[in-house]
Every structure is written in C-alpha cells, then in structure tokens.
Amino acid sequence: MDNNKRQKLEQAGWQVGTVSEFLELSPSESQMIELKLALSQQFKSLRERQKLSLQALAEKMQSSPSNVAKIEEGDSSVTIDLMIQGLFSMGATCQEIAKIMLDS
C-alpha cells in the first residue's frame, strides 16, 4: 500500500497493518502459510502445464480429485507431505521443490 493511501486511511481513523498482525500470527506461522501457498501455486501451475485433469492427477497420486482441488486452493487441512507427493507425481525434482521453498 502506498504511503498516501495509508495516511488517508489512518487520518480517517482506520488502523493499517499486515495480515499477520491482524491474525496475530507468529513469524513461524507466517512462514508456514507462505510456504504452503507457494507450493500450492506451483502445484496448480504444473498440473495446468501438463494439461492434467483433477481426476487424472488424483489417480497418479492415488488420491481423490477433491484432495487435488484442496491442494490448489491452499486449503489449510492439506499437509505439505501431500503437496510434495503430488509434485513428485508430476515429475518435479527435489531441486525444483527446494527452489520453491527457497523462493517463498
């Protein structure tokens, strides 16, 4: 947010902060959320590049289409293990997954 907009909001009585501040997240919780979002975005991007349907990828992962959709949505119930399993199912390497983690 630019400073001008921030100042106008604060002058109008609004409090301006980050999502982490609003949700009272610890630094480690914020990092975990950022990591899961980065993995889910790359997961969806890779599935789309490979032109895989939710069903086809679910079969490759031995999972369900609803789990694949949850991964792509960044659902909080999805484990990082499942995300990584899905990335491996699509041919991602450890190095590619590590890069996602480093860049998040």
PDB file of N, CA and C in Angstrom:
ATOM      1  N   MET A   1       0.845  -1.157   0.000  1.00  0.00           N
ATOM      2  CA  MET A   1       0.000   0.000   0.000  1.00  0.00           C
ATOM      3  C   MET A   1       0.903   1.236   0.000  1.00  0.00           C
ATOM      4  N   ASP A   2       0.552   2.206  -0.831  1.00  0.00           N
ATOM      5  CA  ASP A   2       1.401   3.400  -0.868  1.00  0.00           C
ATOM      6  C   ASP A   2       1.147   4.283   0.359  1.00  0.00           C
ATOM      7  N   ASN A   3       2.123   5.104   0.672  1.00  0.00           N
ATOM      8  CA  ASN A   3       2.065   5.932   1.881  1.00  0.00           C
ATOM      9  C   ASN A   3       0.887   6.898   1.886  1.00  0.00           C
ATOM     10  N   ASN A   4       0.558   7.465   0.732  1.00  0.00           N
ATOM     11  CA  ASN A   4      -0.551   8.421   0.639  1.00  0.00           C
ATOM     12  C   ASN A   4      -1.867   7.763   1.055  1.00  0.00           C
ATOM     13  N   LYS A   5      -2.105   6.573   0.525  1.00  0.00           N
ATOM     14  CA  LYS A   5      -3.334   5.850   0.865  1.00  0.00           C
ATOM     15  C   LYS A   5      -3.342   5.470   2.346  1.00  0.00           C
ATOM     16  N   ARG A   6      -2.194   5.023   2.836  1.00  0.00           N
ATOM     17  CA  ARG A   6      -2.079   4.654   4.253  1.00  0.00           C
ATOM     18  C   ARG A   6      -2.409   5.852   5.141  1.00  0.00           C
ATOM     19  N   GLN A   7      -1.839   7.002   4.826  1.00  0.00           N
ATOM     20  CA  GLN A   7      -2.078   8.205   5.623  1.00  0.00           C
ATOM     21  C   GLN A   7      -3.549   8.607   5.622  1.00  0.00           C
ATOM     22  N   LYS A   8      -4.189   8.535   4.468  1.00  0.00           N
ATOM     23  CA  LYS A   8      -5.611   8.886   4.378  1.00  0.00           C
ATOM     24  C   LYS A   8      -6.458   7.954   5.235  1.00  0.00           C
ATOM     25  N   LEU A   9      -6.156   6.665   5.185  1.00  0.00           N
ATOM     26  CA  LEU A   9      -6.907   5.701   5.982  1.00  0.00           C
ATOM     27  C   LEU A   9      -6.705   5.948   7.477  1.00  0.00           C
ATOM     28  N   GLU A  10      -5.457   6.181   7.867  1.00  0.00           N
ATOM     29  CA  GLU A  10      -5.169   6.430   9.275  1.00  0.00           C
ATOM     30  C   GLU A  10      -5.813   7.723   9.762  1.00  0.00           C
ATOM     31  N   GLN A  11      -5.846   8.762   8.916  1.00  0.00           N
ATOM     32  CA  GLN A  11      -6.498  10.025   9.275  1.00  0.00           C
ATOM     33  C   GLN A  11      -8.001   9.841   9.430  1.00  0.00           C
ATOM     34  N   ALA A  12      -8.553   8.884   8.710  1.00  0.00           N
ATOM     35  CA  ALA A  12      -9.990   8.606   8.805  1.00  0.00           C
ATOM     36  C   ALA A  12     -10.309   7.701   9.998  1.00  0.00           C
ATOM     37  N   GLY A  13      -9.267   7.313  10.762  1.00  0.00           N
ATOM     38  CA  GLY A  13      -9.490   6.513  11.956  1.00  0.00           C
ATOM     39  C   GLY A  13      -9.273   5.017  11.783  1.00  0.00           C
ATOM     40  N   TRP A  14      -8.852   4.595  10.604  1.00  0.00           N
ATOM     41  CA  TRP A  14      -8.604   3.177  10.359  1.00  0.00           C
ATOM     42  C   TRP A  14      -7.228   2.793  10.867  1.00  0.00           C
ATOM     43  N   GLN A  15      -7.108   1.556  11.312  1.00  0.00           N
ATOM     44  CA  GLN A  15      -5.806   1.002  11.655  1.00  0.00           C
ATOM     45  C   GLN A  15      -5.307   0.230  10.447  1.00  0.00           C
ATOM     46  N   VAL A  16      -4.060   0.447  10.112  1.00  0.00           N
ATOM     47  CA  VAL A  16      -3.480  -0.215   8.957  1.00  0.00           C
ATOM     48  C   VAL A  16      -2.384  -1.148   9.452  1.00  0.00           C
ATOM     49  N   GLY A  17      -2.401  -2.391   8.977  1.00  0.00           N
ATOM     50  CA  GLY A  17      -1.393  -3.364   9.378  1.00  0.00           C
ATOM     51  C   GLY A  17      -1.329  -4.494   8.376  1.00  0.00           C
ATOM     52  N   THR A  18      -0.598  -5.498   8.736  1.00  0.00           N
ATOM     53  CA  THR A  18      -0.442  -6.662   7.868  1.00  0.00           C
ATOM     54  C   THR A  18      -1.444  -7.744   8.251  1.00  0.00           C
ATOM     55  N   VAL A  19      -1.590  -8.707   7.385  1.00  0.00           N
ATOM     56  CA  VAL A  19      -2.445  -9.856   7.672  1.00  0.00           C
ATOM     57  C   VAL A  19      -1.926 -10.584   8.909  1.00  0.00           C
ATOM     58  N   SER A  20      -0.619 -10.730   8.988  1.00  0.00           N
ATOM     59  CA  SER A  20      -0.018 -11.411  10.139  1.00  0.00           C
ATOM     60  C   SER A  20      -0.340 -10.710  11.441  1.00  0.00           C
ATOM     61  N   GLU A  21      -0.301  -9.381  11.421  1.00  0.00           N
ATOM     62  CA  GLU A  21      -0.647  -8.617  12.622  1.00  0.00           C
ATOM     63  C   GLU A  21      -2.120  -8.799  12.964  1.00  0.00           C
ATOM     64  N   PHE A  22      -2.981  -8.723  11.952  1.00  0.00           N
ATOM     65  CA  PHE A  22      -4.419  -8.862  12.172  1.00  0.00           C
ATOM     66  C   PHE A  22      -4.763 -10.224  12.755  1.00  0.00           C
ATOM     67  N   LEU A  23      -4.124 -11.263  12.234  1.00  0.00           N
ATOM     68  CA  LEU A  23      -4.407 -12.628  12.688  1.00  0.00           C
ATOM     69  C   LEU A  23      -3.545 -13.038  13.878  1.00  0.00           C
ATOM     70  N   GLU A  24      -2.668 -12.137  14.296  1.00  0.00           N
ATOM     71  CA  GLU A  24      -1.754 -12.395  15.408  1.00  0.00           C
ATOM     72  C   GLU A  24      -0.933 -13.666  15.196  1.00  0.00           C
ATOM     73  N   LEU A  25      -0.350 -13.761  14.004  1.00  0.00           N
ATOM     74  CA  LEU A  25       0.460 -14.918  13.657  1.00  0.00           C
ATOM     75  C   LEU A  25       1.897 -14.718  14.127  1.00  0.00           C
ATOM     76  N   SER A  26       2.496 -15.793  14.565  1.00  0.00           N
ATOM     77  CA  SER A  26       3.920 -15.758  14.904  1.00  0.00           C
ATOM     78  C   SER A  26       4.706 -15.761  13.594  1.00  0.00           C
ATOM     79  N   PRO A  27       5.974 -15.386  13.641  1.00  0.00           N
ATOM     80  CA  PRO A  27       6.787 -15.431  12.416  1.00  0.00           C
ATOM     81  C   PRO A  27       6.817 -16.825  11.783  1.00  0.00           C
ATOM     82  N   SER A  28       6.881 -17.871  12.609  1.00  0.00           N
ATOM     83  CA  SER A  28       6.925 -19.229  12.038  1.00  0.00           C
ATOM     84  C   SER A  28       5.592 -19.599  11.389  1.00  0.00           C
ATOM     85  N   GLU A  29       4.479 -19.151  11.960  1.00  0.00           N
ATOM     86  CA  GLU A  29       3.170 -19.414  11.346  1.00  0.00           C
ATOM     87  C   GLU A  29       3.051 -18.690  10.010  1.00  0.00           C
ATOM     88  N   SER A  30       3.533 -17.470   9.953  1.00  0.00           N
ATOM     89  CA  SER A  30       3.510 -16.712   8.698  1.00  0.00           C
ATOM     90  C   SER A  30       4.346 -17.400   7.632  1.00  0.00           C
ATOM     91  N   GLN A  31       5.532 -17.875   8.018  1.00  0.00           N
ATOM     92  CA  GLN A  31       6.399 -18.569   7.071  1.00  0.00           C
ATOM     93  C   GLN A  31       5.751 -19.854   6.560  1.00  0.00           C
ATOM     94  N   MET A  32       5.094 -20.586   7.442  1.00  0.00           N
ATOM     95  CA  MET A  32       4.435 -21.830   7.037  1.00  0.00           C
ATOM     96  C   MET A  32       3.323 -21.543   6.026  1.00  0.00           C
ATOM     97  N   ILE A  33       2.551 -20.505   6.272  1.00  0.00           N
ATOM     98  CA  ILE A  33       1.478 -20.140   5.343  1.00  0.00           C
ATOM     99  C   ILE A  33       2.062 -19.747   3.991  1.00  0.00           C
ATOM    100  N   GLU A  34       3.109 -18.937   3.998  1.00  0.00           N
ATOM    101  CA  GLU A  34       3.749 -18.526   2.747  1.00  0.00           C
ATOM    102  C   GLU A  34       4.281 -19.730   1.980  1.00  0.00           C
ATOM    103  N   LEU A  35       4.886 -20.673   2.689  1.00  0.00           N
ATOM    104  CA  LEU A  35       5.415 -21.874   2.049  1.00  0.00           C
ATOM    105  C   LEU A  35       4.297 -22.705   1.429  1.00  0.00           C
ATOM    106  N   LYS A  36       3.222 -22.928   2.185  1.00  0.00           N
ATOM    107  CA  LYS A  36       2.117 -23.727   1.653  1.00  0.00           C
ATOM    108  C   LYS A  36       1.472 -23.060   0.443  1.00  0.00           C
ATOM    109  N   LEU A  37       1.361 -21.730   0.469  1.00  0.00           N
ATOM    110  CA  LEU A  37       0.799 -21.021  -0.687  1.00  0.00           C
ATOM    111  C   LEU A  37       1.709 -21.157  -1.904  1.00  0.00           C
ATOM    112  N   ALA A  38       3.006 -21.036  -1.707  1.00  0.00           N
ATOM    113  CA  ALA A  38       3.946 -21.179  -2.820  1.00  0.00           C
ATOM    114  C   ALA A  38       3.875 -22.580  -3.414  1.00  0.00           C
ATOM    115  N   LEU A  39       3.825 -23.595  -2.554  1.00  0.00           N
ATOM    116  CA  LEU A  39       3.725 -24.972  -3.049  1.00  0.00           C
ATOM    117  C   LEU A  39       2.414 -25.203  -3.800  1.00  0.00           C
ATOM    118  N   SER A  40       1.314 -24.687  -3.276  1.00  0.00           N
ATOM    119  CA  SER A  40       0.019 -24.907  -3.934  1.00  0.00           C
ATOM    120  C   SER A  40      -0.037 -24.195  -5.279  1.00  0.00           C
ATOM    121  N   GLN A  41       0.552 -22.993  -5.376  1.00  0.00           N
ATOM    122  CA  GLN A  41       0.566 -22.276  -6.655  1.00  0.00           C
ATOM    123  C   GLN A  41       1.391 -23.022  -7.698  1.00  0.00           C
ATOM    124  N   GLN A  42       2.544 -23.527  -7.290  1.00  0.00           N
ATOM    125  CA  GLN A  42       3.382 -24.282  -8.223  1.00  0.00           C
ATOM    126  C   GLN A  42       2.721 -25.607  -8.613  1.00  0.00           C
ATOM    127  N   PHE A  43       2.029 -26.214  -7.666  1.00  0.00           N
ATOM    128  CA  PHE A  43       1.308 -27.460  -7.909  1.00  0.00           C
ATOM    129  C   PHE A  43       0.286 -27.242  -9.027  1.00  0.00           C
ATOM    130  N   LYS A  44      -0.531 -26.208  -8.875  1.00  0.00           N
ATOM    131  CA  LYS A  44      -1.572 -25.920  -9.876  1.00  0.00           C
ATOM    132  C   LYS A  44      -0.955 -25.561 -11.222  1.00  0.00           C
ATOM    133  N   SER A  45       0.087 -24.755 -11.202  1.00  0.00           N
ATOM    134  CA  SER A  45       0.750 -24.349 -12.434  1.00  0.00           C
ATOM    135  C   SER A  45       1.303 -25.556 -13.185  1.00  0.00           C
ATOM    136  N   LEU A  46       1.936 -26.471 -12.471  1.00  0.00           N
ATOM    137  CA  LEU A  46       2.497 -27.663 -13.092  1.00  0.00           C
ATOM    138  C   LEU A  46       1.393 -28.560 -13.652  1.00  0.00           C
ATOM    139  N   ARG A  47       0.311 -28.729 -12.904  1.00  0.00           N
ATOM    140  CA  ARG A  47      -0.812 -29.549 -13.399  1.00  0.00           C
ATOM    141  C   ARG A  47      -1.373 -28.962 -14.679  1.00  0.00           C
ATOM    142  N   GLU A  48      -1.535 -27.639 -14.715  1.00  0.00           N
ATOM    143  CA  GLU A  48      -2.098 -26.996 -15.902  1.00  0.00           C
ATOM    144  C   GLU A  48      -1.141 -27.081 -17.093  1.00  0.00           C
ATOM    145  N   ARG A  49       0.161 -26.909 -16.837  1.00  0.00           N
ATOM    146  CA  ARG A  49       1.148 -27.025 -17.932  1.00  0.00           C
ATOM    147  C   ARG A  49       1.149 -28.425 -18.526  1.00  0.00           C
ATOM    148  N   GLN A  50       0.918 -29.419 -17.667  1.00  0.00           N
ATOM    149  CA  GLN A  50       0.898 -30.803 -18.142  1.00  0.00           C
ATOM    150  C   GLN A  50      -0.480 -31.198 -18.685  1.00  0.00           C
ATOM    151  N   LYS A  51      -1.427 -30.263 -18.626  1.00  0.00           N
ATOM    152  CA  LYS A  51      -2.790 -30.488 -19.120  1.00  0.00           C
ATOM    153  C   LYS A  51      -3.443 -31.718 -18.471  1.00  0.00           C
ATOM    154  N   LEU A  52      -3.219 -31.858 -17.168  1.00  0.00           N
ATOM    155  CA  LEU A  52      -3.822 -32.955 -16.412  1.00  0.00           C
ATOM    156  C   LEU A  52      -5.130 -32.477 -15.788  1.00  0.00           C
ATOM    157  N   SER A  53      -6.129 -33.313 -15.847  1.00  0.00           N
ATOM    158  CA  SER A  53      -7.373 -33.007 -15.136  1.00  0.00           C
ATOM    159  C   SER A  53      -7.175 -33.317 -13.653  1.00  0.00           C
ATOM    160  N   LEU A  54      -8.087 -32.813 -12.835  1.00  0.00           N
ATOM    161  CA  LEU A  54      -8.036 -33.142 -11.411  1.00  0.00           C
ATOM    162  C   LEU A  54      -8.102 -34.649 -11.214  1.00  0.00           C
ATOM    163  N   GLN A  55      -8.976 -35.292 -11.978  1.00  0.00           N
ATOM    164  CA  GLN A  55      -9.157 -36.747 -11.873  1.00  0.00           C
ATOM    165  C   GLN A  55      -7.886 -37.493 -12.260  1.00  0.00           C
ATOM    166  N   ALA A  56      -7.274 -37.089 -13.378  1.00  0.00           N
ATOM    167  CA  ALA A  56      -6.064 -37.783 -13.850  1.00  0.00           C
ATOM    168  C   ALA A  56      -4.927 -37.642 -12.835  1.00  0.00           C
ATOM    169  N   LEU A  57      -4.760 -36.452 -12.284  1.00  0.00           N
ATOM    170  CA  LEU A  57      -3.706 -36.269 -11.298  1.00  0.00           C
ATOM    171  C   LEU A  57      -4.019 -37.022 -10.014  1.00  0.00           C
ATOM    172  N   ALA A  58      -5.267 -37.029  -9.618  1.00  0.00           N
ATOM    173  CA  ALA A  58      -5.663 -37.768  -8.412  1.00  0.00           C
ATOM    174  C   ALA A  58      -5.317 -39.251  -8.567  1.00  0.00           C
ATOM    175  N   GLU A  59      -5.550 -39.805  -9.745  1.00  0.00           N
ATOM    176  CA  GLU A  59      -5.215 -41.206  -9.986  1.00  0.00           C
ATOM    177  C   GLU A  59      -3.706 -41.431  -9.898  1.00  0.00           C
ATOM    178  N   LYS A  60      -2.928 -40.507 -10.467  1.00  0.00           N
ATOM    179  CA  LYS A  60      -1.465 -40.624 -10.378  1.00  0.00           C
ATOM    180  C   LYS A  60      -0.987 -40.584  -8.936  1.00  0.00           C
ATOM    181  N   MET A  61      -1.665 -39.758  -8.131  1.00  0.00           N
ATOM    182  CA  MET A  61      -1.271 -39.586  -6.733  1.00  0.00           C
ATOM    183  C   MET A  61      -1.880 -40.640  -5.822  1.00  0.00           C
ATOM    184  N   GLN A  62      -2.792 -41.445  -6.362  1.00  0.00           N
ATOM    185  CA  GLN A  62      -3.577 -42.387  -5.562  1.00  0.00           C
ATOM    186  C   GLN A  62      -4.321 -41.627  -4.468  1.00  0.00           C
ATOM    187  N   SER A  63      -4.972 -40.569  -4.901  1.00  0.00           N
ATOM    188  CA  SER A  63      -5.730 -39.708  -4.002  1.00  0.00           C
ATOM    189  C   SER A  63      -7.086 -39.439  -4.640  1.00  0.00           C
ATOM    190  N   SER A  64      -7.753 -38.396  -4.190  1.00  0.00           N
ATOM    191  CA  SER A  64      -9.065 -38.058  -4.742  1.00  0.00           C
ATOM    192  C   SER A  64      -9.011 -36.696  -5.430  1.00  0.00           C
ATOM    193  N   PRO A  65      -9.904 -36.479  -6.404  1.00  0.00           N
ATOM    194  CA  PRO A  65      -9.957 -35.165  -7.050  1.00  0.00           C
ATOM    195  C   PRO A  65     -10.211 -34.028  -6.049  1.00  0.00           C
ATOM    196  N   SER A  66     -10.971 -34.308  -5.005  1.00  0.00           N
ATOM    197  CA  SER A  66     -11.225 -33.255  -4.016  1.00  0.00           C
ATOM    198  C   SER A  66      -9.947 -32.877  -3.272  1.00  0.00           C
ATOM    199  N   ASN A  67      -9.060 -33.854  -3.024  1.00  0.00           N
ATOM    200  CA  ASN A  67      -7.776 -33.531  -2.395  1.00  0.00           C
ATOM    201  C   ASN A  67      -6.904 -32.693  -3.319  1.00  0.00           C
ATOM    202  N   VAL A  68      -6.925 -33.008  -4.604  1.00  0.00           N
ATOM    203  CA  VAL A  68      -6.153 -32.228  -5.575  1.00  0.00           C
ATOM    204  C   VAL A  68      -6.676 -30.792  -5.596  1.00  0.00           C
ATOM    205  N   ALA A  69      -7.985 -30.636  -5.610  1.00  0.00           N
ATOM    206  CA  ALA A  69      -8.583 -29.292  -5.602  1.00  0.00           C
ATOM    207  C   ALA A  69      -8.222 -28.547  -4.323  1.00  0.00           C
ATOM    208  N   LYS A  70      -8.229 -29.240  -3.201  1.00  0.00           N
ATOM    209  CA  LYS A  70      -7.860 -28.605  -1.928  1.00  0.00           C
ATOM    210  C   LYS A  70      -6.413 -28.132  -1.939  1.00  0.00           C
ATOM    211  N   ILE A  71      -5.540 -28.918  -2.543  1.00  0.00           N
ATOM    212  CA  ILE A  71      -4.133 -28.516  -2.645  1.00  0.00           C
ATOM    213  C   ILE A  71      -4.043 -27.208  -3.426  1.00  0.00           C
ATOM    214  N   GLU A  72      -4.716 -27.163  -4.558  1.00  0.00           N
ATOM    215  CA  GLU A  72      -4.653 -25.985  -5.418  1.00  0.00           C
ATOM    216  C   GLU A  72      -5.281 -24.755  -4.768  1.00  0.00           C
ATOM    217  N   GLU A  73      -6.245 -24.958  -3.900  1.00  0.00           N
ATOM    218  CA  GLU A  73      -6.903 -23.845  -3.216  1.00  0.00           C
ATOM    219  C   GLU A  73      -6.106 -23.368  -2.010  1.00  0.00           C
ATOM    220  N   GLY A  74      -5.083 -24.109  -1.630  1.00  0.00           N
ATOM    221  CA  GLY A  74      -4.311 -23.757  -0.445  1.00  0.00           C
ATOM    222  C   GLY A  74      -5.069 -24.036   0.835  1.00  0.00           C
ATOM    223  N   ASP A  75      -5.945 -25.021   0.799  1.00  0.00           N
ATOM    224  CA  ASP A  75      -6.744 -25.380   1.975  1.00  0.00           C
ATOM    225  C   ASP A  75      -5.834 -25.703   3.156  1.00  0.00           C
ATOM    226  N   SER A  76      -6.187 -25.176   4.306  1.00  0.00           N
ATOM    227  CA  SER A  76      -5.336 -25.357   5.489  1.00  0.00           C
ATOM    228  C   SER A  76      -5.280 -26.800   5.985  1.00  0.00           C
ATOM    229  N   SER A  77      -6.233 -27.636   5.570  1.00  0.00           N
ATOM    230  CA  SER A  77      -6.237 -29.023   6.017  1.00  0.00           C
ATOM    231  C   SER A  77      -5.241 -29.899   5.250  1.00  0.00           C
ATOM    232  N   VAL A  78      -4.710 -29.380   4.150  1.00  0.00           N
ATOM    233  CA  VAL A  78      -3.792 -30.153   3.313  1.00  0.00           C
ATOM    234  C   VAL A  78      -2.391 -30.116   3.927  1.00  0.00           C
ATOM    235  N   THR A  79      -1.772 -31.271   3.992  1.00  0.00           N
ATOM    236  CA  THR A  79      -0.422 -31.351   4.545  1.00  0.00           C
ATOM    237  C   THR A  79       0.619 -31.030   3.466  1.00  0.00           C
ATOM    238  N   ILE A  80       1.766 -30.593   3.919  1.00  0.00           N
ATOM    239  CA  ILE A  80       2.877 -30.352   2.996  1.00  0.00           C
ATOM    240  C   ILE A  80       3.310 -31.674   2.362  1.00  0.00           C
ATOM    241  N   ASP A  81       3.200 -32.761   3.106  1.00  0.00           N
ATOM    242  CA  ASP A  81       3.540 -34.090   2.564  1.00  0.00           C
ATOM    243  C   ASP A  81       2.722 -34.390   1.308  1.00  0.00           C
ATOM    244  N   LEU A  82       1.421 -34.130   1.374  1.00  0.00           N
ATOM    245  CA  LEU A  82       0.548 -34.405   0.226  1.00  0.00           C
ATOM    246  C   LEU A  82       0.900 -33.500  -0.947  1.00  0.00           C
ATOM    247  N   MET A  83       1.203 -32.247  -0.666  1.00  0.00           N
ATOM    248  CA  MET A  83       1.599 -31.328  -1.742  1.00  0.00           C
ATOM    249  C   MET A  83       2.852 -31.822  -2.446  1.00  0.00           C
ATOM    250  N   ILE A  84       3.834 -32.215  -1.649  1.00  0.00           N
ATOM    251  CA  ILE A  84       5.097 -32.679  -2.226  1.00  0.00           C
ATOM    252  C   ILE A  84       4.915 -33.997  -2.961  1.00  0.00           C
ATOM    253  N   GLN A  85       4.098 -34.877  -2.417  1.00  0.00           N
ATOM    254  CA  GLN A  85       3.803 -36.139  -3.113  1.00  0.00           C
ATOM    255  C   GLN A  85       3.205 -35.838  -4.487  1.00  0.00           C
ATOM    256  N   GLY A  86       2.289 -34.892  -4.536  1.00  0.00           N
ATOM    257  CA  GLY A  86       1.677 -34.518  -5.811  1.00  0.00           C
ATOM    258  C   GLY A  86       2.679 -33.931  -6.785  1.00  0.00           C
ATOM    259  N   LEU A  87       3.561 -33.082  -6.296  1.00  0.00           N
ATOM    260  CA  LEU A  87       4.598 -32.511  -7.163  1.00  0.00           C
ATOM    261  C   LEU A  87       5.499 -33.612  -7.708  1.00  0.00           C
ATOM    262  N   PHE A  88       5.891 -34.561  -6.848  1.00  0.00           N
ATOM    263  CA  PHE A  88       6.697 -35.698  -7.315  1.00  0.00           C
ATOM    264  C   PHE A  88       5.920 -36.526  -8.344  1.00  0.00           C
ATOM    265  N   SER A  89       4.614 -36.692  -8.137  1.00  0.00           N
ATOM    266  CA  SER A  89       3.793 -37.461  -9.080  1.00  0.00           C
ATOM    267  C   SER A  89       3.786 -36.833 -10.463  1.00  0.00           C
ATOM    268  N   MET A  90       3.983 -35.522 -10.502  1.00  0.00           N
ATOM    269  CA  MET A  90       4.012 -34.822 -11.792  1.00  0.00           C
ATOM    270  C   MET A  90       5.431 -34.680 -12.337  1.00  0.00           C
ATOM    271  N   GLY A  91       6.402 -35.296 -11.657  1.00  0.00           N
ATOM    272  CA  GLY A  91       7.762 -35.306 -12.167  1.00  0.00           C
ATOM    273  C   GLY A  91       8.668 -34.220 -11.614  1.00  0.00           C
ATOM    274  N   ALA A  92       8.204 -33.461 -10.641  1.00  0.00           N
ATOM    275  CA  ALA A  92       9.071 -32.438 -10.035  1.00  0.00           C
ATOM    276  C   ALA A  92      10.232 -33.111  -9.322  1.00  0.00           C
ATOM    277  N   THR A  93      11.358 -32.449  -9.331  1.00  0.00           N
ATOM    278  CA  THR A  93      12.545 -32.978  -8.665  1.00  0.00           C
ATOM    279  C   THR A  93      12.698 -32.342  -7.281  1.00  0.00           C
ATOM    280  N   CYS A  94      13.560 -32.942  -6.479  1.00  0.00           N
ATOM    281  CA  CYS A  94      13.870 -32.367  -5.159  1.00  0.00           C
ATOM    282  C   CYS A  94      14.423 -30.954  -5.312  1.00  0.00           C
ATOM    283  N   GLN A  95      15.246 -30.753  -6.332  1.00  0.00           N
ATOM    284  CA  GLN A  95      15.830 -29.439  -6.556  1.00  0.00           C
ATOM    285  C   GLN A  95      14.750 -28.406  -6.886  1.00  0.00           C
ATOM    286  N   GLU A  96      13.764 -28.780  -7.699  1.00  0.00           N
ATOM    287  CA  GLU A  96      12.689 -27.862  -8.051  1.00  0.00           C
ATOM    288  C   GLU A  96      11.841 -27.518  -6.825  1.00  0.00           C
ATOM    289  N   ILE A  97      11.582 -28.503  -6.002  1.00  0.00           N
ATOM    290  CA  ILE A  97      10.799 -28.269  -4.783  1.00  0.00           C
ATOM    291  C   ILE A  97      11.587 -27.416  -3.802  1.00  0.00           C
ATOM    292  N   ALA A  98      12.880 -27.665  -3.703  1.00  0.00           N
ATOM    293  CA  ALA A  98      13.727 -26.859  -2.823  1.00  0.00           C
ATOM    294  C   ALA A  98      13.735 -25.403  -3.303  1.00  0.00           C
ATOM    295  N   LYS A  99      13.740 -25.180  -4.605  1.00  0.00           N
ATOM    296  CA  LYS A  99      13.724 -23.814  -5.138  1.00  0.00           C
ATOM    297  C   LYS A  99      12.430 -23.103  -4.750  1.00  0.00           C
ATOM    298  N   ILE A 100      11.306 -23.810  -4.825  1.00  0.00           N
ATOM    299  CA  ILE A 100      10.023 -23.229  -4.398  1.00  0.00           C
ATOM    300  C   ILE A 100      10.132 -22.795  -2.944  1.00  0.00           C
ATOM    301  N   MET A 101      10.702 -23.657  -2.127  1.00  0.00           N
ATOM    302  CA  MET A 101      10.842 -23.363  -0.698  1.00  0.00           C
ATOM    303  C   MET A 101      11.764 -22.184  -0.457  1.00  0.00           C
ATOM    304  N   LEU A 102      12.865 -22.132  -1.177  1.00  0.00           N
ATOM    305  CA  LEU A 102      13.807 -21.031  -1.019  1.00  0.00           C
ATOM    306  C   LEU A 102      13.231 -19.701  -1.476  1.00  0.00           C
ATOM    307  N   ASP A 103      12.406 -19.750  -2.504  1.00  0.00           N
ATOM    308  CA  ASP A 103      11.841 -18.512  -3.078  1.00  0.00           C
ATOM    309  C   ASP A 103      10.618 -18.010  -2.324  1.00  0.00           C
ATOM    310  N   SER A 104      10.073 -18.850  -1.410  1.00  0.00           N
ATOM    311  CA  SER A 104       8.833 -18.428  -0.719  1.00  0.00           C
ATOM    312  C   SER A 104       9.130 -17.468   0.414  1.00  0.00           C
TER     313      SER A 104
END
